[in-house]
């Protein structure tokens, strides 16, 4: 059996770091740091200043390629998961393809909002397993600051900008759960909840926070059970949960339902805020490069986003 293995990962954060207090002062908001941290777990975020989504994506991609000890000539496909494309058309992935000097293969965007990286990872895995590609660069990149209403305190504190990337490669496995690479994935969507988290006519984010929270905890834990059940594994076998970084309370609720202790959950929301499709690859990159995630460990990735969309993947690192 051909497996998709992680050969390298990288990330990039814009240079402008903005604390809660700085955001409150900049936009004269009626709030305080204690309230924001208590409700969300967020203490700061990074904001792009003149950088486009493709700029962030390119820098994360180059870092991932260097980590994998590969270059653009080795890559067959580029998938960029993003909500904040540089332009309506063409795909931001095409610009990244040009930026890294890749002159072959193909590139396209994946638009599933906060679930975008899990969706893109699943597409890349499928392409590798059927032999359509040998090496795929999967990127999550966002400049969400460009679509925020900084007078709306229900959303403006929640989001940040950033990018993360991974390089997947084909490797032959035995077809068991001990194989290295992606072992199973699951994807879902339910368009009945389209209006719960969307952009308005001005292109700014609007959210029904209570409804998003209510669905998130249930959907995220259910999809983890589903994807583990598909390969006859249990939550207790997970070494690390790397969830979408939307809200600390959602992360806590999900890990509690799975009976996973906090020390086995990778959390970066306090420093990055919610970077949508970029949050999981950013968190992965942090945990891999600080030595927490090690080869051979079992990783669970899960996310839920607007649409609603949600999904999960089980990975042997």
Protein backbone atom coordinates (compact mmCIF):
# COMPACT_ATOMS: atom_id res chain seq x y z
CA UNK A 1 0.00 0.00 0.00
CA UNK A 2 1.22 3.50 -0.84
CA UNK A 3 1.12 5.90 2.10
CA UNK A 4 1.46 9.68 2.19
CA UNK A 5 4.22 10.53 4.65
CA UNK A 6 5.20 13.93 6.06
CA UNK A 7 8.67 14.76 4.77
CA UNK A 8 8.90 18.28 6.15
CA UNK A 9 6.95 21.19 7.61
CA UNK A 10 7.43 24.93 7.90
CA UNK A 11 5.63 28.09 8.90
CA UNK A 12 5.67 31.85 8.61
CA UNK A 13 4.18 34.62 10.75
CA UNK A 14 4.06 38.29 9.73
CA UNK A 15 6.34 40.65 11.59
CA UNK A 16 3.60 42.75 13.19
CA UNK A 17 2.63 41.14 16.52
CA UNK A 18 -0.43 42.73 18.14
CA UNK A 19 -1.42 42.09 21.77
CA UNK A 20 -5.01 42.31 22.99
CA UNK A 21 -4.25 45.59 24.73
CA UNK A 22 -2.69 47.02 21.58
CA UNK A 23 -5.74 46.01 19.53
CA UNK A 24 -8.09 47.58 22.08
CA UNK A 25 -6.11 50.82 22.06
CA UNK A 26 -5.71 50.95 18.26
CA UNK A 27 -9.47 50.66 17.59
CA UNK A 28 -10.79 52.19 20.83
CA UNK A 29 -12.68 49.01 21.71
CA UNK A 30 -14.85 48.47 24.78
CA UNK A 31 -13.07 45.40 26.13
CA UNK A 32 -10.11 44.26 28.22
CA UNK A 33 -7.38 41.66 28.03
CA UNK A 34 -8.75 39.54 30.89
CA UNK A 35 -12.18 39.20 29.23
CA UNK A 36 -10.66 38.20 25.89
CA UNK A 37 -8.29 35.63 27.35
CA UNK A 38 -10.97 34.12 29.57
CA UNK A 39 -13.47 33.69 26.70
CA UNK A 40 -11.08 32.71 23.92
CA UNK A 41 -7.62 31.83 25.25
CA UNK A 42 -6.11 34.43 22.90
CA UNK A 43 -3.53 36.92 24.13
CA UNK A 44 -2.03 38.09 20.82
CA UNK A 45 -2.05 37.62 17.06
CA UNK A 46 0.09 38.51 14.04
CA UNK A 47 -1.13 40.95 11.41
CA UNK A 48 0.21 41.19 7.87
CA UNK A 49 1.30 44.69 6.90
CA UNK A 50 1.40 44.92 3.11
CA UNK A 51 1.97 41.17 2.68
CA UNK A 52 -0.48 39.15 0.63
CA UNK A 53 -1.65 35.62 1.37
CA UNK A 54 0.66 34.33 -1.38
CA UNK A 55 3.64 36.03 0.31
CA UNK A 56 2.93 34.23 3.59
CA UNK A 57 2.25 30.96 1.78
CA UNK A 58 5.48 31.20 -0.21
CA UNK A 59 7.63 31.72 2.87
CA UNK A 60 6.00 28.79 4.69
CA UNK A 61 6.39 26.64 1.57
CA UNK A 62 10.09 27.40 1.24
CA UNK A 63 10.60 26.56 4.92
CA UNK A 64 8.80 23.23 4.47
CA UNK A 65 10.82 22.39 1.36
CA UNK A 66 14.06 23.14 3.20
CA UNK A 67 12.94 20.96 6.10
CA UNK A 68 12.17 18.13 3.65
CA UNK A 69 15.49 18.68 1.86
CA UNK A 70 13.67 19.04 -1.45
CA UNK A 71 13.25 21.86 -3.93
CA UNK A 72 10.52 23.01 -6.31
CA UNK A 73 11.71 20.63 -9.05
CA UNK A 74 10.66 17.69 -6.85
CA UNK A 75 7.08 18.89 -6.33
CA UNK A 76 4.23 17.58 -8.49
CA UNK A 77 1.36 19.62 -7.00
CA UNK A 78 0.72 22.65 -4.80
CA UNK A 79 -2.53 22.98 -2.86
CA UNK A 80 -3.20 26.21 -0.97
CA UNK A 81 -6.03 26.14 1.56
CA UNK A 82 -7.18 29.71 2.08
CA UNK A 83 -10.20 31.92 2.61
CA UNK A 84 -8.33 35.10 1.69
CA UNK A 85 -7.07 34.60 -1.86
CA UNK A 86 -4.90 37.32 -3.38
CA UNK A 87 -7.45 37.72 -6.16
CA UNK A 88 -10.82 36.24 -7.11
CA UNK A 89 -8.90 34.54 -9.91
CA UNK A 90 -6.53 32.93 -10.61
CA UNK A 91 -5.74 30.62 -7.70
CA UNK A 92 -3.30 31.85 -5.06
CA UNK A 93 -1.57 28.47 -5.47
CA UNK A 94 -0.56 29.48 -9.00
CA UNK A 95 1.27 32.52 -7.65
CA UNK A 96 2.99 30.36 -5.02
CA UNK A 97 3.97 27.87 -7.73
CA UNK A 98 5.68 30.68 -9.63
CA UNK A 99 7.24 32.19 -6.49
CA UNK A 100 9.01 28.96 -5.51
CA UNK A 101 10.26 28.38 -9.06
CA UNK A 102 8.11 25.35 -9.82
CA UNK A 103 7.70 25.02 -13.58
CA UNK A 104 5.87 21.69 -13.79
CA UNK A 105 2.96 19.89 -12.18
CA UNK A 106 -0.21 21.70 -11.15
CA UNK A 107 -1.56 24.06 -8.51
CA UNK A 108 -4.99 24.88 -7.11
CA UNK A 109 -6.73 26.40 -4.08
CA UNK A 110 -8.90 24.63 -1.53
CA UNK A 111 -11.70 26.70 -0.01
CA UNK A 112 -13.21 25.03 3.04
CA UNK A 113 -12.39 27.86 5.46
CA UNK A 114 -11.08 26.59 8.82
CA UNK A 115 -11.31 22.97 7.63
CA UNK A 116 -9.35 23.85 4.51
CA UNK A 117 -6.07 22.24 5.55
CA UNK A 118 -7.74 18.93 6.45
CA UNK A 119 -9.61 18.98 3.12
CA UNK A 120 -6.40 19.81 1.21
CA UNK A 121 -4.46 17.14 3.07
CA UNK A 122 -7.12 14.58 2.14
CA UNK A 123 -6.98 15.57 -1.54
CA UNK A 124 -3.18 15.34 -1.53
CA UNK A 125 -3.31 11.94 0.16
CA UNK A 126 -5.75 10.65 -2.45
CA UNK A 127 -3.57 11.88 -5.32
CA UNK A 128 -0.48 10.24 -3.87
CA UNK A 129 -2.21 6.93 -3.17
CA UNK A 130 -3.50 6.59 -6.75
CA UNK A 131 -0.12 7.56 -8.21
CA UNK A 132 -1.10 10.96 -9.61
CA UNK A 133 1.65 12.68 -7.62
CA UNK A 134 4.77 11.65 -5.72
CA UNK A 135 5.39 14.86 -3.78
CA UNK A 136 2.68 17.37 -2.84
CA UNK A 137 3.11 20.72 -1.10
CA UNK A 138 0.08 21.44 1.11
CA UNK A 139 -0.21 24.97 2.49
CA UNK A 140 -2.65 26.75 4.78
CA UNK A 141 -2.33 30.54 4.52
CA UNK A 142 -4.54 33.43 5.60
CA UNK A 143 -4.61 37.20 5.86
CA UNK A 144 -7.86 37.30 7.81
CA UNK A 145 -7.14 40.82 9.05
CA UNK A 146 -8.27 42.01 5.61
CA UNK A 147 -11.84 40.77 6.15
CA UNK A 148 -12.40 41.78 9.79
CA UNK A 149 -14.62 44.53 11.13
CA UNK A 150 -12.45 45.97 13.91
CA UNK A 151 -15.51 47.61 15.47
CA UNK A 152 -17.11 44.20 16.01
CA UNK A 153 -15.66 42.88 19.25
CA UNK A 154 -17.42 39.51 18.79
CA UNK A 155 -15.05 38.69 15.92
CA UNK A 156 -12.12 41.12 15.70
CA UNK A 157 -10.19 39.60 18.63
CA UNK A 158 -10.51 36.04 17.34
CA UNK A 159 -8.46 36.01 14.15
CA UNK A 160 -4.89 36.46 12.99
CA UNK A 161 -2.68 36.06 9.93
CA UNK A 162 -0.11 33.38 9.19
CA UNK A 163 0.84 30.37 7.09
CA UNK A 164 1.96 26.79 7.57
CA UNK A 165 3.02 24.16 5.05
CA UNK A 166 3.86 20.48 4.81
CA UNK A 167 5.48 18.35 2.13
CA UNK A 168 3.90 14.95 1.58
CA UNK A 169 5.70 12.14 -0.20
CA UNK A 170 4.81 8.65 -1.37
CA UNK A 171 6.16 5.71 0.63
CA UNK A 172 5.31 2.04 0.47
CA UNK A 173 3.69 0.64 3.61
CA UNK A 174 2.40 -2.72 4.77
CA UNK A 175 -1.21 -1.57 5.05
CA UNK A 176 -1.27 -1.68 8.86
CA UNK A 177 -1.76 0.97 11.52
CA UNK A 178 1.96 0.83 12.20
CA UNK A 179 2.72 2.33 8.78
CA UNK A 180 4.21 5.79 8.67
CA UNK A 181 2.00 8.43 7.06
CA UNK A 182 -1.71 9.25 6.77
CA UNK A 183 -3.71 6.26 8.00
CA UNK A 184 -7.26 7.57 7.57
CA UNK A 185 -9.27 10.72 6.89
CA UNK A 186 -12.91 11.81 7.12
CA UNK A 187 -14.64 14.88 5.71
CA UNK A 188 -18.12 16.36 6.23
CA UNK A 189 -20.17 19.44 5.50
CA UNK A 190 -23.69 20.66 6.29
CA UNK A 191 -24.79 23.64 4.24
CA UNK A 192 -27.90 24.18 6.35
CA UNK A 193 -25.65 26.19 8.68
CA UNK A 194 -24.26 28.41 5.91
CA UNK A 195 -25.40 31.65 7.57
CA UNK A 196 -23.89 30.92 10.99
CA UNK A 197 -20.42 32.03 9.94
CA UNK A 198 -20.03 34.03 6.75
CA UNK A 199 -18.99 37.33 5.25
CA UNK A 200 -21.57 40.08 4.81
CA UNK A 201 -22.21 42.20 1.72
CA UNK A 202 -19.17 44.30 2.60
CA UNK A 203 -17.00 41.17 2.73
CA UNK A 204 -16.53 41.28 6.52
CA UNK A 205 -16.78 38.29 8.88
CA UNK A 206 -20.02 37.81 10.83
CA UNK A 207 -20.58 34.93 13.24
CA UNK A 208 -23.22 33.43 15.50
CA UNK A 209 -20.71 32.43 18.16
CA UNK A 210 -23.05 30.36 20.33
CA UNK A 211 -24.20 28.19 17.44
CA UNK A 212 -20.67 27.70 16.11
CA UNK A 213 -19.46 26.65 19.57
CA UNK A 214 -22.37 24.25 20.08
CA UNK A 215 -21.79 22.44 16.79
CA UNK A 216 -18.00 22.52 17.00
CA UNK A 217 -17.54 20.45 20.15
CA UNK A 218 -19.96 17.75 18.97
CA UNK A 219 -18.79 17.60 15.36
CA UNK A 220 -15.09 17.59 16.22
CA UNK A 221 -15.32 14.78 18.75
CA UNK A 222 -17.67 12.75 16.52
CA UNK A 223 -15.38 12.95 13.50
CA UNK A 224 -12.41 11.86 15.61
CA UNK A 225 -14.39 8.80 16.76
CA UNK A 226 -15.36 8.14 13.15
CA UNK A 227 -11.88 8.31 11.67
CA UNK A 228 -10.37 6.22 14.48
CA UNK A 229 -13.18 3.68 14.18
CA UNK A 230 -12.49 3.30 10.47
CA UNK A 231 -9.09 1.79 11.30
CA UNK A 232 -10.11 0.13 14.59
CA UNK A 233 -8.17 2.46 16.88
CA UNK A 234 -9.11 4.20 20.15
CA UNK A 235 -8.60 7.78 21.43
CA UNK A 236 -6.29 6.43 24.14
CA UNK A 237 -3.80 5.49 21.40
CA UNK A 238 -3.39 9.11 20.28
CA UNK A 239 -0.05 10.67 21.25
CA UNK A 240 -0.96 14.19 20.16
CA UNK A 241 -4.14 16.02 19.25
CA UNK A 242 -3.39 18.93 16.91
CA UNK A 243 -6.75 20.68 16.57
CA UNK A 244 -7.85 23.71 14.63
CA UNK A 245 -7.09 26.66 16.89
CA UNK A 246 -10.48 28.40 17.01
CA UNK A 247 -11.18 28.88 20.70
CA UNK A 248 -9.55 27.46 23.82
CA UNK A 249 -12.93 26.40 25.20
CA UNK A 250 -13.68 24.41 22.03
CA UNK A 251 -10.26 22.75 22.23
CA UNK A 252 -10.84 21.92 25.91
CA UNK A 253 -14.32 20.57 25.23
CA UNK A 254 -13.12 18.34 22.42
CA UNK A 255 -10.12 16.96 24.32
CA UNK A 256 -12.35 16.30 27.37
CA UNK A 257 -14.81 14.29 25.26
CA UNK A 258 -11.88 12.24 23.97
CA UNK A 259 -10.45 11.85 27.50
CA UNK A 260 -7.14 13.33 26.36
CA UNK A 261 -5.14 15.23 29.01
CA UNK A 262 -4.09 18.83 28.23
CA UNK A 263 -0.42 17.83 28.01
CA UNK A 264 -1.23 15.76 24.89
CA UNK A 265 -2.92 18.64 23.05
CA UNK A 266 -0.93 21.11 20.93
CA UNK A 267 -2.22 24.63 21.61
CA UNK A 268 -1.01 27.75 19.83
CA UNK A 269 -4.17 29.86 19.87
CA UNK A 270 -2.80 32.01 22.71
CA UNK A 271 -0.02 33.29 20.42
CA UNK A 272 -1.49 32.98 16.91
CA UNK A 273 -5.27 33.44 17.47
CA UNK A 274 -7.49 31.71 14.89
CA UNK A 275 -5.63 31.62 11.57
CA UNK A 276 -8.32 29.51 9.87
CA UNK A 277 -6.77 27.11 7.31
CA UNK A 278 -3.27 28.00 8.54
CA UNK A 279 -3.84 27.06 12.19
CA UNK A 280 -3.18 23.30 12.01
CA UNK A 281 0.00 23.44 9.88
CA UNK A 282 1.26 26.31 12.05
CA UNK A 283 0.65 24.26 15.21
CA UNK A 284 2.20 21.16 13.61
CA UNK A 285 5.31 23.09 12.65
CA UNK A 286 5.70 24.50 16.17
CA UNK A 287 5.30 21.11 17.87
CA UNK A 288 7.57 19.28 15.43
CA UNK A 289 10.38 21.81 15.61
CA UNK A 290 10.27 22.18 19.40
CA UNK A 291 10.64 18.40 19.69
CA UNK A 292 7.24 17.47 21.11
CA UNK A 293 6.08 15.51 18.06
CA UNK A 294 8.46 12.67 17.25
CA UNK A 295 8.71 10.11 14.48
CA UNK A 296 6.46 7.12 15.02
CA UNK A 297 3.92 8.95 17.19
CA UNK A 298 0.21 8.92 16.38
CA UNK A 299 -1.22 12.36 15.59
CA UNK A 300 -4.88 13.33 15.37
CA UNK A 301 -5.77 16.41 13.31
CA UNK A 302 -9.29 17.84 13.34
CA UNK A 303 -11.03 21.05 12.29
CA UNK A 304 -14.40 22.67 11.81
CA UNK A 305 -15.17 25.77 9.80
CA UNK A 306 -17.82 27.83 8.07
CA UNK A 307 -20.23 26.04 5.84
CA UNK A 308 -20.31 24.14 8.18
CA UNK A 309 -17.36 21.98 7.14
CA UNK A 310 -15.41 19.60 9.36
CA UNK A 311 -12.96 16.76 9.12
CA UNK A 312 -10.16 14.77 10.72
CA UNK A 313 -7.05 12.81 9.83
CA UNK A 314 -5.02 10.18 11.70
CA UNK A 315 -1.29 10.36 10.98
CA UNK A 316 1.66 8.21 12.00
CA UNK A 317 4.39 10.86 12.07
